[in-house]
C-alpha atoms as a PDB file:
ATOM      1  CA  UNK A   1      29.046  21.517 -29.131  1.00  0.00           C
ATOM      2  CA  UNK A   2      29.145  25.085 -27.825  1.00  0.00           C
ATOM      3  CA  UNK A   3      26.938  24.829 -24.713  1.00  0.00           C
ATOM      4  CA  UNK A   4      29.018  25.667 -21.626  1.00  0.00           C
ATOM      5  CA  UNK A   5      26.426  25.756 -18.845  1.00  0.00           C
ATOM      6  CA  UNK A   6      25.447  23.252 -16.170  1.00  0.00           C
ATOM      7  CA  UNK A   7      24.221  19.802 -17.164  1.00  0.00           C
ATOM      8  CA  UNK A   8      21.939  17.417 -15.245  1.00  0.00           C
ATOM      9  CA  UNK A   9      23.468  15.338 -12.481  1.00  0.00           C
ATOM     10  CA  UNK A  10      20.224  13.818 -11.205  1.00  0.00           C
ATOM     11  CA  UNK A  11      16.943  12.616 -12.705  1.00  0.00           C
ATOM     12  CA  UNK A  12      13.484  11.591 -11.518  1.00  0.00           C
ATOM     13  CA  UNK A  13      12.858   9.105 -14.339  1.00  0.00           C
ATOM     14  CA  UNK A  14       9.653   7.460 -13.243  1.00  0.00           C
ATOM     15  CA  UNK A  15       7.041   6.355 -12.955  1.00  0.00           C
ATOM     16  CA  UNK A  16       3.764   7.895 -14.132  1.00  0.00           C
ATOM     17  CA  UNK A  17       0.868   8.173 -11.644  1.00  0.00           C
ATOM     18  CA  UNK A  18       3.161   7.642  -8.647  1.00  0.00           C
ATOM     19  CA  UNK A  19       3.537  11.122  -7.185  1.00  0.00           C
ATOM     20  CA  UNK A  20       6.469  12.306  -9.272  1.00  0.00           C
ATOM     21  CA  UNK A  21       4.942  15.667 -10.191  1.00  0.00           C
ATOM     22  CA  UNK A  22       4.324  16.468  -6.545  1.00  0.00           C
ATOM     23  CA  UNK A  23       7.804  15.294  -5.569  1.00  0.00           C
ATOM     24  CA  UNK A  24       9.511  17.351  -8.263  1.00  0.00           C
ATOM     25  CA  UNK A  25       7.582  20.485  -7.337  1.00  0.00           C
ATOM     26  CA  UNK A  26       8.610  20.161  -3.718  1.00  0.00           C
ATOM     27  CA  UNK A  27      12.299  19.398  -4.187  1.00  0.00           C
ATOM     28  CA  UNK A  28      12.559  22.174  -6.801  1.00  0.00           C
ATOM     29  CA  UNK A  29      11.945  24.630  -3.955  1.00  0.00           C
ATOM     30  CA  UNK A  30      15.190  23.592  -2.254  1.00  0.00           C
ATOM     31  CA  UNK A  31      17.961  26.209  -2.613  1.00  0.00           C
ATOM     32  CA  UNK A  32      20.539  23.555  -3.515  1.00  0.00           C
ATOM     33  CA  UNK A  33      18.496  22.197  -6.432  1.00  0.00           C
ATOM     34  CA  UNK A  34      17.953  23.609  -9.896  1.00  0.00           C
ATOM     35  CA  UNK A  35      15.072  21.828 -11.572  1.00  0.00           C
ATOM     36  CA  UNK A  36      14.039  22.323 -15.182  1.00  0.00           C
ATOM     37  CA  UNK A  37      11.036  24.633 -15.508  1.00  0.00           C
ATOM     38  CA  UNK A  38       9.418  22.018 -17.719  1.00  0.00           C
ATOM     39  CA  UNK A  39       9.166  19.066 -15.361  1.00  0.00           C
ATOM     40  CA  UNK A  40       9.231  16.520 -18.196  1.00  0.00           C
ATOM     41  CA  UNK A  41      11.409  17.482 -21.183  1.00  0.00           C
ATOM     42  CA  UNK A  42      10.823  13.954 -22.591  1.00  0.00           C
ATOM     43  CA  UNK A  43      14.109  13.939 -24.441  1.00  0.00           C
ATOM     44  CA  UNK A  44      16.115  10.736 -23.921  1.00  0.00           C
ATOM     45  CA  UNK A  45      13.322   8.269 -24.672  1.00  0.00           C
ATOM     46  CA  UNK A  46      12.219   9.849 -27.948  1.00  0.00           C
ATOM     47  CA  UNK A  47      11.856   7.591 -30.950  1.00  0.00           C
ATOM     48  CA  UNK A  48      13.637  10.132 -33.137  1.00  0.00           C
ATOM     49  CA  UNK A  49      16.375  10.948 -30.598  1.00  0.00           C
ATOM     50  CA  UNK A  50      19.630  12.333 -32.032  1.00  0.00           C
ATOM     51  CA  UNK A  51      22.895  13.290 -30.338  1.00  0.00           C
ATOM     52  CA  UNK A  52      22.840  16.551 -32.279  1.00  0.00           C
ATOM     53  CA  UNK A  53      19.720  17.670 -30.401  1.00  0.00           C
ATOM     54  CA  UNK A  54      21.379  17.483 -26.970  1.00  0.00           C
ATOM     55  CA  UNK A  55      22.712  21.035 -27.135  1.00  0.00           C
ATOM     56  CA  UNK A  56      19.213  22.376 -27.750  1.00  0.00           C
ATOM     57  CA  UNK A  57      17.925  20.232 -24.846  1.00  0.00           C
ATOM     58  CA  UNK A  58      20.556  21.664 -22.504  1.00  0.00           C
ATOM     59  CA  UNK A  59      20.137  25.236 -23.692  1.00  0.00           C
ATOM     60  CA  UNK A  60      16.357  25.093 -23.364  1.00  0.00           C
ATOM     61  CA  UNK A  61      16.207  23.589 -19.902  1.00  0.00           C
ATOM     62  CA  UNK A  62      19.436  24.274 -17.978  1.00  0.00           C
ATOM     63  CA  UNK A  63      20.959  27.573 -19.124  1.00  0.00           C
ATOM     64  CA  UNK A  64      19.678  29.333 -15.997  1.00  0.00           C
ATOM     65  CA  UNK A  65      21.289  26.871 -13.574  1.00  0.00           C
ATOM     66  CA  UNK A  66      23.771  28.521 -11.235  1.00  0.00           C
ATOM     67  CA  UNK A  67      25.889  27.072  -8.454  1.00  0.00           C
ATOM     68  CA  UNK A  68      23.212  24.734  -7.091  1.00  0.00           C
ATOM     69  CA  UNK A  69      24.576  21.371  -5.986  1.00  0.00           C
ATOM     70  CA  UNK A  70      22.043  19.430  -8.036  1.00  0.00           C
ATOM     71  CA  UNK A  71      20.668  20.078 -11.520  1.00  0.00           C
ATOM     72  CA  UNK A  72      17.884  17.828 -12.719  1.00  0.00           C
ATOM     73  CA  UNK A  73      14.677  17.019 -14.535  1.00  0.00           C
ATOM     74  CA  UNK A  74      11.861  14.483 -14.180  1.00  0.00           C
ATOM     75  CA  UNK A  75      10.655  12.747 -17.347  1.00  0.00           C
ATOM     76  CA  UNK A  76       8.669   9.710 -16.235  1.00  0.00           C
ATOM     77  CA  UNK A  77       8.950   7.849 -19.535  1.00  0.00           C
ATOM     78  CA  UNK A  78      12.692   7.359 -19.020  1.00  0.00           C
ATOM     79  CA  UNK A  79      12.400   4.540 -16.497  1.00  0.00           C
ATOM     80  CA  UNK A  80      10.501   2.166 -18.756  1.00  0.00           C
ATOM     81  CA  UNK A  81      12.330   3.172 -21.919  1.00  0.00           C
ATOM     82  CA  UNK A  82      14.737   0.647 -23.449  1.00  0.00           C
ATOM     83  CA  UNK A  83      17.089   3.411 -24.573  1.00  0.00           C
ATOM     84  CA  UNK A  84      16.985   6.308 -22.101  1.00  0.00           C
ATOM     85  CA  UNK A  85      19.396   4.974 -19.461  1.00  0.00           C
ATOM     86  CA  UNK A  86      22.112   4.183 -21.996  1.00  0.00           C
ATOM     87  CA  UNK A  87      21.686   7.548 -23.708  1.00  0.00           C
ATOM     88  CA  UNK A  88      21.926   9.421 -20.398  1.00  0.00           C
ATOM     89  CA  UNK A  89      25.041   7.480 -19.405  1.00  0.00           C
ATOM     90  CA  UNK A  90      26.697   8.089 -22.769  1.00  0.00           C
ATOM     91  CA  UNK A  91      26.195  11.838 -22.512  1.00  0.00           C
ATOM     92  CA  UNK A  92      26.658  12.492 -18.779  1.00  0.00           C
ATOM     93  CA  UNK A  93      28.508   9.437 -17.449  1.00  0.00           C
ATOM     94  CA  UNK A  94      27.368   7.154 -14.645  1.00  0.00           C
ATOM     95  CA  UNK A  95      28.153   9.324 -11.599  1.00  0.00           C
ATOM     96  CA  UNK A  96      24.544  10.527 -11.435  1.00  0.00           C
ATOM     97  CA  UNK A  97      21.667  10.010  -9.029  1.00  0.00           C
ATOM     98  CA  UNK A  98      18.150   8.828  -9.747  1.00  0.00           C
ATOM     99  CA  UNK A  99      14.933   8.951  -7.717  1.00  0.00           C
ATOM    100  CA  UNK A 100      12.194   6.513  -8.743  1.00  0.00           C
ATOM    101  CA  UNK A 101       8.716   6.272  -7.210  1.00  0.00           C
ATOM    102  CA  UNK A 102       6.507   3.197  -7.684  1.00  0.00           C
ATOM    103  CA  UNK A 103       2.763   2.684  -7.262  1.00  0.00           C
ATOM    104  CA  UNK A 104       0.811  -0.531  -6.717  1.00  0.00           C
ATOM    105  CA  UNK A 105       0.404  -1.614 -10.357  1.00  0.00           C
ATOM    106  CA  UNK A 106      -3.294  -2.556 -10.323  1.00  0.00           C
ATOM    107  CA  UNK A 107      -4.204   0.840  -8.880  1.00  0.00           C
ATOM    108  CA  UNK A 108      -1.770   2.482 -11.282  1.00  0.00           C
ATOM    109  CA  UNK A 109      -3.393   0.736 -14.256  1.00  0.00           C
ATOM    110  CA  UNK A 110      -6.852   2.072 -13.376  1.00  0.00           C
ATOM    111  CA  UNK A 111      -5.372   5.539 -12.840  1.00  0.00           C
ATOM    112  CA  UNK A 112      -3.597   5.367 -16.212  1.00  0.00           C
ATOM    113  CA  UNK A 113      -6.822   4.312 -17.943  1.00  0.00           C
ATOM    114  CA  UNK A 114      -8.728   7.254 -16.446  1.00  0.00           C
ATOM    115  CA  UNK A 115      -5.876   9.620 -17.264  1.00  0.00           C
ATOM    116  CA  UNK A 116      -6.215   8.707 -20.932  1.00  0.00           C
ATOM    117  CA  UNK A 117     -10.024   8.740 -20.777  1.00  0.00           C
ATOM    118  CA  UNK A 118     -10.047  12.251 -19.355  1.00  0.00           C
ATOM    119  CA  UNK A 119      -7.858  13.392 -22.233  1.00  0.00           C
ATOM    120  CA  UNK A 120     -10.226  11.964 -24.827  1.00  0.00           C
ATOM    121  CA  UNK A 121      -7.995   9.082 -25.911  1.00  0.00           C
ATOM    122  CA  UNK A 122     -10.500   6.431 -24.802  1.00  0.00           C
ATOM    123  CA  UNK A 123     -14.263   6.142 -25.096  1.00  0.00           C
ATOM    124  CA  UNK A 124     -14.758   4.205 -21.835  1.00  0.00           C
ATOM    125  CA  UNK A 125     -15.822   1.077 -23.732  1.00  0.00           C
ATOM    126  CA  UNK A 126     -12.277  -0.308 -24.038  1.00  0.00           C
ATOM    127  CA  UNK A 127     -11.326  -3.173 -21.750  1.00  0.00           C
ATOM    128  CA  UNK A 128      -8.543  -2.236 -19.367  1.00  0.00           C
ATOM    129  CA  UNK A 129      -6.804  -5.467 -20.393  1.00  0.00           C
ATOM    130  CA  UNK A 130      -6.422  -4.273 -23.979  1.00  0.00           C
ATOM    131  CA  UNK A 131      -6.257  -0.524 -23.394  1.00  0.00           C
ATOM    132  CA  UNK A 132      -3.627   1.299 -25.400  1.00  0.00           C
ATOM    133  CA  UNK A 133      -3.717   5.065 -25.730  1.00  0.00           C
ATOM    134  CA  UNK A 134      -1.125   7.751 -26.205  1.00  0.00           C
ATOM    135  CA  UNK A 135       1.366   5.059 -27.159  1.00  0.00           C
ATOM    136  CA  UNK A 136       0.968   3.398 -23.757  1.00  0.00           C
ATOM    137  CA  UNK A 137      -0.348  -0.117 -23.116  1.00  0.00           C
ATOM    138  CA  UNK A 138      -1.607  -0.472 -19.558  1.00  0.00           C
ATOM    139  CA  UNK A 139       0.006  -3.813 -18.680  1.00  0.00           C
ATOM    140  CA  UNK A 140       3.636  -3.333 -19.743  1.00  0.00           C
ATOM    141  CA  UNK A 141       3.570   0.257 -18.527  1.00  0.00           C
ATOM    142  CA  UNK A 142       2.737  -0.967 -15.014  1.00  0.00           C
ATOM    143  CA  UNK A 143       5.702  -3.363 -14.818  1.00  0.00           C
ATOM    144  CA  UNK A 144       8.816  -2.153 -13.001  1.00  0.00           C
ATOM    145  CA  UNK A 145      11.374  -4.959 -12.677  1.00  0.00           C
ATOM    146  CA  UNK A 146      12.882  -4.525 -16.156  1.00  0.00           C
ATOM    147  CA  UNK A 147      13.471  -0.826 -15.510  1.00  0.00           C
ATOM    148  CA  UNK A 148      15.053  -1.630 -12.148  1.00  0.00           C
ATOM    149  CA  UNK A 149      17.518  -3.988 -13.785  1.00  0.00           C
ATOM    150  CA  UNK A 150      18.322  -1.531 -16.561  1.00  0.00           C
ATOM    151  CA  UNK A 151      19.105   1.372 -14.247  1.00  0.00           C
ATOM    152  CA  UNK A 152      20.926  -0.753 -11.660  1.00  0.00           C
ATOM    153  CA  UNK A 153      23.081  -2.365 -14.371  1.00  0.00           C
ATOM    154  CA  UNK A 154      23.834   1.003 -15.968  1.00  0.00           C
ATOM    155  CA  UNK A 155      24.428   3.222 -12.937  1.00  0.00           C
ATOM    156  CA  UNK A 156      24.772   0.982  -9.859  1.00  0.00           C
ATOM    157  CA  UNK A 157      22.272   0.313  -7.089  1.00  0.00           C
ATOM    158  CA  UNK A 158      23.790   2.903  -4.760  1.00  0.00           C
ATOM    159  CA  UNK A 159      22.939   5.731  -7.172  1.00  0.00           C
ATOM    160  CA  UNK A 160      19.208   4.964  -7.279  1.00  0.00           C
ATOM    161  CA  UNK A 161      16.665   5.803  -4.583  1.00  0.00           C
ATOM    162  CA  UNK A 162      13.459   3.784  -4.873  1.00  0.00           C
ATOM    163  CA  UNK A 163      10.301   5.108  -3.215  1.00  0.00           C
ATOM    164  CA  UNK A 164       6.657   4.059  -2.735  1.00  0.00           C
ATOM    165  CA  UNK A 165       3.574   6.102  -3.567  1.00  0.00           C
ATOM    166  CA  UNK A 166       2.102   4.616  -0.378  1.00  0.00           C
ATOM    167  CA  UNK A 167       4.562   6.689   1.642  1.00  0.00           C
ATOM    168  CA  UNK A 168       3.478   9.899  -0.073  1.00  0.00           C
ATOM    169  CA  UNK A 169      -0.091   9.079   0.963  1.00  0.00           C
ATOM    170  CA  UNK A 170       0.948   8.345   4.544  1.00  0.00           C
ATOM    171  CA  UNK A 171       3.466  11.150   5.077  1.00  0.00           C
ATOM    172  CA  UNK A 172       4.002  13.757   2.315  1.00  0.00           C
ATOM    173  CA  UNK A 173       6.730  15.593   4.198  1.00  0.00           C
ATOM    174  CA  UNK A 174       8.608  12.401   4.962  1.00  0.00           C
ATOM    175  CA  UNK A 175       8.294  11.329   1.330  1.00  0.00           C
ATOM    176  CA  UNK A 176       9.892  14.561   0.096  1.00  0.00           C
ATOM    177  CA  UNK A 177      12.606  14.558   2.746  1.00  0.00           C
ATOM    178  CA  UNK A 178      13.500  10.978   1.924  1.00  0.00           C
ATOM    179  CA  UNK A 179      14.398  12.130  -1.581  1.00  0.00           C
ATOM    180  CA  UNK A 180      16.321  15.136  -0.256  1.00  0.00           C
ATOM    181  CA  UNK A 181      18.210  12.900   2.156  1.00  0.00           C
ATOM    182  CA  UNK A 182      19.298  10.694  -0.721  1.00  0.00           C
ATOM    183  CA  UNK A 183      20.753  13.831  -2.335  1.00  0.00           C
ATOM    184  CA  UNK A 184      22.544  14.655   0.930  1.00  0.00           C
ATOM    185  CA  UNK A 185      20.519  17.831   1.372  1.00  0.00           C
ATOM    186  CA  UNK A 186      18.942  19.358   4.451  1.00  0.00           C
ATOM    187  CA  UNK A 187      15.245  18.505   4.936  1.00  0.00           C
ATOM    188  CA  UNK A 188      12.485  21.016   4.346  1.00  0.00           C
ATOM    189  CA  UNK A 189      10.077  21.935   7.147  1.00  0.00           C
ATOM    190  CA  UNK A 190       6.784  21.952   5.267  1.00  0.00           C
ATOM    191  CA  UNK A 191       5.296  20.868   1.966  1.00  0.00           C
ATOM    192  CA  UNK A 192       2.879  22.629  -0.345  1.00  0.00           C
ATOM    193  CA  UNK A 193      -0.800  22.154   0.423  1.00  0.00           C
ATOM    194  CA  UNK A 194      -1.866  22.601  -3.181  1.00  0.00           C
ATOM    195  CA  UNK A 195      -4.099  19.832  -4.513  1.00  0.00           C
ATOM    196  CA  UNK A 196      -3.025  18.771  -7.996  1.00  0.00           C
ATOM    197  CA  UNK A 197      -5.265  17.248 -10.651  1.00  0.00           C
ATOM    198  CA  UNK A 198      -7.962  15.541  -8.622  1.00  0.00           C
ATOM    199  CA  UNK A 199      -9.581  12.713 -10.534  1.00  0.00           C
ATOM    200  CA  UNK A 200     -12.911  10.901 -10.624  1.00  0.00           C
ATOM    201  CA  UNK A 201     -14.940   9.332  -7.847  1.00  0.00           C
ATOM    202  CA  UNK A 202     -15.069   5.549  -8.139  1.00  0.00           C
ATOM    203  CA  UNK A 203     -17.784   3.306  -6.726  1.00  0.00           C
ATOM    204  CA  UNK A 204     -18.558  -0.414  -6.720  1.00  0.00           C
ATOM    205  CA  UNK A 205     -21.817  -1.233  -8.488  1.00  0.00           C
ATOM    206  CA  UNK A 206     -22.160  -4.930  -7.876  1.00  0.00           C
ATOM    207  CA  UNK A 207     -19.012  -6.460  -9.315  1.00  0.00           C
ATOM    208  CA  UNK A 208     -18.125  -3.422 -11.421  1.00  0.00           C
ATOM    209  CA  UNK A 209     -15.874  -0.571 -10.378  1.00  0.00           C
ATOM    210  CA  UNK A 210     -17.437   2.495 -12.011  1.00  0.00           C
ATOM    211  CA  UNK A 211     -16.176   6.023 -12.591  1.00  0.00           C
ATOM    212  CA  UNK A 212     -18.864   8.424 -11.337  1.00  0.00           C
ATOM    213  CA  UNK A 213     -18.893  11.004 -14.110  1.00  0.00           C
ATOM    214  CA  UNK A 214     -21.907  13.250 -14.737  1.00  0.00           C
ATOM    215  CA  UNK A 215     -23.349  12.759 -18.261  1.00  0.00           C
ATOM    216  CA  UNK A 216     -22.714  16.418 -19.111  1.00  0.00           C
ATOM    217  CA  UNK A 217     -18.997  15.895 -18.459  1.00  0.00           C
ATOM    218  CA  UNK A 218     -18.663  13.129 -21.053  1.00  0.00           C
ATOM    219  CA  UNK A 219     -17.276  13.992 -24.467  1.00  0.00           C
ATOM    220  CA  UNK A 220     -19.165  12.928 -27.581  1.00  0.00           C
ATOM    221  CA  UNK A 221     -19.036   9.157 -27.949  1.00  0.00           C
ATOM    222  CA  UNK A 222     -17.820   8.554 -24.404  1.00  0.00           C
ATOM    223  CA  UNK A 223     -19.487   6.448 -21.718  1.00  0.00           C
ATOM    224  CA  UNK A 224     -18.644   6.106 -18.059  1.00  0.00           C
ATOM    225  CA  UNK A 225     -15.738   3.640 -17.705  1.00  0.00           C
ATOM    226  CA  UNK A 226     -16.647   0.398 -15.957  1.00  0.00           C
ATOM    227  CA  UNK A 227     -14.045  -2.071 -14.686  1.00  0.00           C
ATOM    228  CA  UNK A 228     -15.473  -5.582 -14.102  1.00  0.00           C
ATOM    229  CA  UNK A 229     -13.968  -7.141 -11.008  1.00  0.00           C
ATOM    230  CA  UNK A 230     -13.062 -10.262 -12.977  1.00  0.00           C
ATOM    231  CA  UNK A 231     -10.958  -8.171 -15.374  1.00  0.00           C
ATOM    232  CA  UNK A 232      -9.295  -6.295 -12.510  1.00  0.00           C
ATOM    233  CA  UNK A 233      -8.459  -9.582 -10.793  1.00  0.00           C
ATOM    234  CA  UNK A 234      -7.030 -10.949 -14.046  1.00  0.00           C
ATOM    235  CA  UNK A 235      -5.003  -7.776 -14.409  1.00  0.00           C
ATOM    236  CA  UNK A 236      -3.807  -8.013 -10.807  1.00  0.00           C
ATOM    237  CA  UNK A 237      -2.605 -11.574 -11.360  1.00  0.00           C
ATOM    238  CA  UNK A 238      -0.466 -10.391 -14.274  1.00  0.00           C
ATOM    239  CA  UNK A 239       1.524  -8.168 -11.922  1.00  0.00           C
ATOM    240  CA  UNK A 240       2.365 -10.582  -9.100  1.00  0.00           C
ATOM    241  CA  UNK A 241       5.623 -11.935 -10.543  1.00  0.00           C
ATOM    242  CA  UNK A 242       6.817  -8.427 -11.349  1.00  0.00           C
ATOM    243  CA  UNK A 243       5.933  -7.228  -7.831  1.00  0.00           C
ATOM    244  CA  UNK A 244       8.144  -9.942  -6.322  1.00  0.00           C
ATOM    245  CA  UNK A 245      11.033  -9.120  -8.678  1.00  0.00           C
ATOM    246  CA  UNK A 246      10.667  -5.380  -8.099  1.00  0.00           C
ATOM    247  CA  UNK A 247      10.756  -5.854  -4.326  1.00  0.00           C
ATOM    248  CA  UNK A 248      13.936  -7.947  -4.585  1.00  0.00           C
ATOM    249  CA  UNK A 249      15.676  -5.462  -6.876  1.00  0.00           C
ATOM    250  CA  UNK A 250      14.587  -2.257  -5.151  1.00  0.00           C
ATOM    251  CA  UNK A 251      14.744  -3.433  -1.554  1.00  0.00           C
ATOM    252  CA  UNK A 252      11.294  -1.964  -0.912  1.00  0.00           C
ATOM    253  CA  UNK A 253       8.702  -3.716   1.252  1.00  0.00           C
ATOM    254  CA  UNK A 254       5.933  -4.396  -1.279  1.00  0.00           C
ATOM    255  CA  UNK A 255       4.216  -7.260   0.541  1.00  0.00           C
ATOM    256  CA  UNK A 256       0.841  -5.514   0.717  1.00  0.00           C
ATOM    257  CA  UNK A 257       0.895  -5.022  -3.064  1.00  0.00           C
ATOM    258  CA  UNK A 258       0.007  -8.698  -3.419  1.00  0.00           C
ATOM    259  CA  UNK A 259      -3.420  -8.006  -1.975  1.00  0.00           C
ATOM    260  CA  UNK A 260      -6.122  -7.085  -4.474  1.00  0.00           C
ATOM    261  CA  UNK A 261      -6.775  -3.349  -3.990  1.00  0.00           C
ATOM    262  CA  UNK A 262     -10.085  -2.322  -2.461  1.00  0.00           C
ATOM    263  CA  UNK A 263     -10.054   1.093  -4.192  1.00  0.00           C
ATOM    264  CA  UNK A 264     -11.669   2.398  -1.007  1.00  0.00           C
ATOM    265  CA  UNK A 265     -11.307   5.926   0.278  1.00  0.00           C
ATOM    266  CA  UNK A 266      -8.184   6.644   2.265  1.00  0.00           C
ATOM    267  CA  UNK A 267      -8.145   9.518   4.766  1.00  0.00           C
ATOM    268  CA  UNK A 268      -7.255  12.860   3.262  1.00  0.00           C
ATOM    269  CA  UNK A 269      -3.808  14.011   4.325  1.00  0.00           C
ATOM    270  CA  UNK A 270      -3.399  17.577   5.492  1.00  0.00           C
ATOM    271  CA  UNK A 271       0.298  18.389   4.903  1.00  0.00           C
ATOM    272  CA  UNK A 272       0.445  20.664   7.935  1.00  0.00           C
ATOM    273  CA  UNK A 273      -0.911  17.855  10.108  1.00  0.00           C
ATOM    274  CA  UNK A 274       1.551  15.416   8.526  1.00  0.00           C
ATOM    275  CA  UNK A 275       4.349  17.820   9.457  1.00  0.00           C
ATOM    276  CA  UNK A 276       3.170  17.988  13.063  1.00  0.00           C
ATOM    277  CA  UNK A 277       2.677  14.289  13.589  1.00  0.00           C
ATOM    278  CA  UNK A 278       5.929  13.106  12.055  1.00  0.00           C
ATOM    279  CA  UNK A 279       6.469  10.072   9.827  1.00  0.00           C
ATOM    280  CA  UNK A 280       3.387   8.085   8.919  1.00  0.00           C
ATOM    281  CA  UNK A 281       3.109   4.416   9.766  1.00  0.00           C
ATOM    282  CA  UNK A 282       3.833   1.900   7.038  1.00  0.00           C
ATOM    283  CA  UNK A 283       1.000  -0.283   5.914  1.00  0.00           C
ATOM    284  CA  UNK A 284       1.408  -3.892   6.890  1.00  0.00           C
ATOM    285  CA  UNK A 285       2.491  -6.200   4.121  1.00  0.00           C
ATOM    286  CA  UNK A 286       0.075  -8.759   2.759  1.00  0.00           C
ATOM    287  CA  UNK A 287       1.014 -12.398   2.434  1.00  0.00           C
ATOM    288  CA  UNK A 288      -0.305 -12.959  -1.027  1.00  0.00           C
ATOM    289  CA  UNK A 289      -3.051 -12.189  -3.503  1.00  0.00           C
ATOM    290  CA  UNK A 290      -6.581 -12.048  -2.219  1.00  0.00           C
ATOM    291  CA  UNK A 291      -9.175  -9.909  -0.500  1.00  0.00           C
ATOM    292  CA  UNK A 292     -12.583  -9.080  -1.880  1.00  0.00           C
ATOM    293  CA  UNK A 293     -12.592  -5.398  -0.985  1.00  0.00           C
ATOM    294  CA  UNK A 294     -16.168  -4.480  -1.909  1.00  0.00           C
ATOM    295  CA  UNK A 295     -16.639  -0.867  -0.935  1.00  0.00           C
ATOM    296  CA  UNK A 296     -19.139   1.896  -1.260  1.00  0.00           C
ATOM    297  CA  UNK A 297     -16.971   4.554  -2.840  1.00  0.00           C
ATOM    298  CA  UNK A 298     -13.427   5.147  -3.893  1.00  0.00           C
ATOM    299  CA  UNK A 299     -11.480   7.970  -5.451  1.00  0.00           C
ATOM    300  CA  UNK A 300      -8.983   7.835  -8.252  1.00  0.00           C
ATOM    301  CA  UNK A 301      -6.522  10.698  -8.487  1.00  0.00           C
ATOM    302  CA  UNK A 302      -5.891   9.970 -12.145  1.00  0.00           C
ATOM    303  CA  UNK A 303      -3.524  12.861 -12.384  1.00  0.00           C
ATOM    304  CA  UNK A 304      -3.160  13.413  -8.684  1.00  0.00           C
ATOM    305  CA  UNK A 305       0.303  14.078  -7.367  1.00  0.00           C
ATOM    306  CA  UNK A 306      -0.508  16.340  -4.430  1.00  0.00           C
ATOM    307  CA  UNK A 307      -0.880  14.686  -1.035  1.00  0.00           C
ATOM    308  CA  UNK A 308      -4.635  15.174  -0.827  1.00  0.00           C
ATOM    309  CA  UNK A 309      -5.079  13.808  -4.329  1.00  0.00           C
ATOM    310  CA  UNK A 310      -2.740  10.951  -3.645  1.00  0.00           C
ATOM    311  CA  UNK A 311      -4.669   9.940  -0.580  1.00  0.00           C
ATOM    312  CA  UNK A 312      -7.851   9.479  -2.557  1.00  0.00           C
ATOM    313  CA  UNK A 313      -6.591   7.118  -5.202  1.00  0.00           C
END
């Protein structure tokens, strides 16, 4: 191997639809961080991964790194990969740091479905319970406990910072500075106000949660996705055991995740206002599954990682 430049010493390995793009964009602005220009190199989880390709990976993404304290990248498939953690440890050792953001899995599953629908991988007729597109099945890809165990066992709990998408919604600046604090870096004073990848409006029509998409926006063969409440409740029940295990492993307060999501609008967060008012209040934890949550309209930020987008999901 001839590469002699800087190599990664921190990663944002997951998870999809949980604010990682927004987080990476913000921390990349810090003078003590070099972040790969391609946010997700998608290298260590690849099916056809080879050790010989590591030099090309490093040359492509990290040659320009200078004397920054931290050098990193943020490929969200790494956290739920069975191989990525071991491959990273083999190449770079275990004295690394990891930042992982989670999202309530029932909400995340709907967001993942719409993400794939928008990209033409689904017609809208597929049940969310059986949805598989882009190599991703919605149920296993919304489970977090296995990834927690893998990364904790490989690198140690103290080297992993677990975060909640809820906190990005409540306080974007605090969310970003929490990650910077974990890296022992000075906080930033403001976050970007750019809205990233706003998704579809959602509305309850009887017992169906429906994506409000104009007919002219549908691709050939597509119909508006509809999510029967019964299917969403069945899906939600599949996640309860994993929520409890994830809370125990991560140390995060996930009590309110037991409640069936309402998918209702949340107030839009203005980052400047969030900066002025200080940390947002945590939502109170729920005691268990339940809640009927019928609402007039909701918003899914199916690709949304900016604070305004996050607040609408």
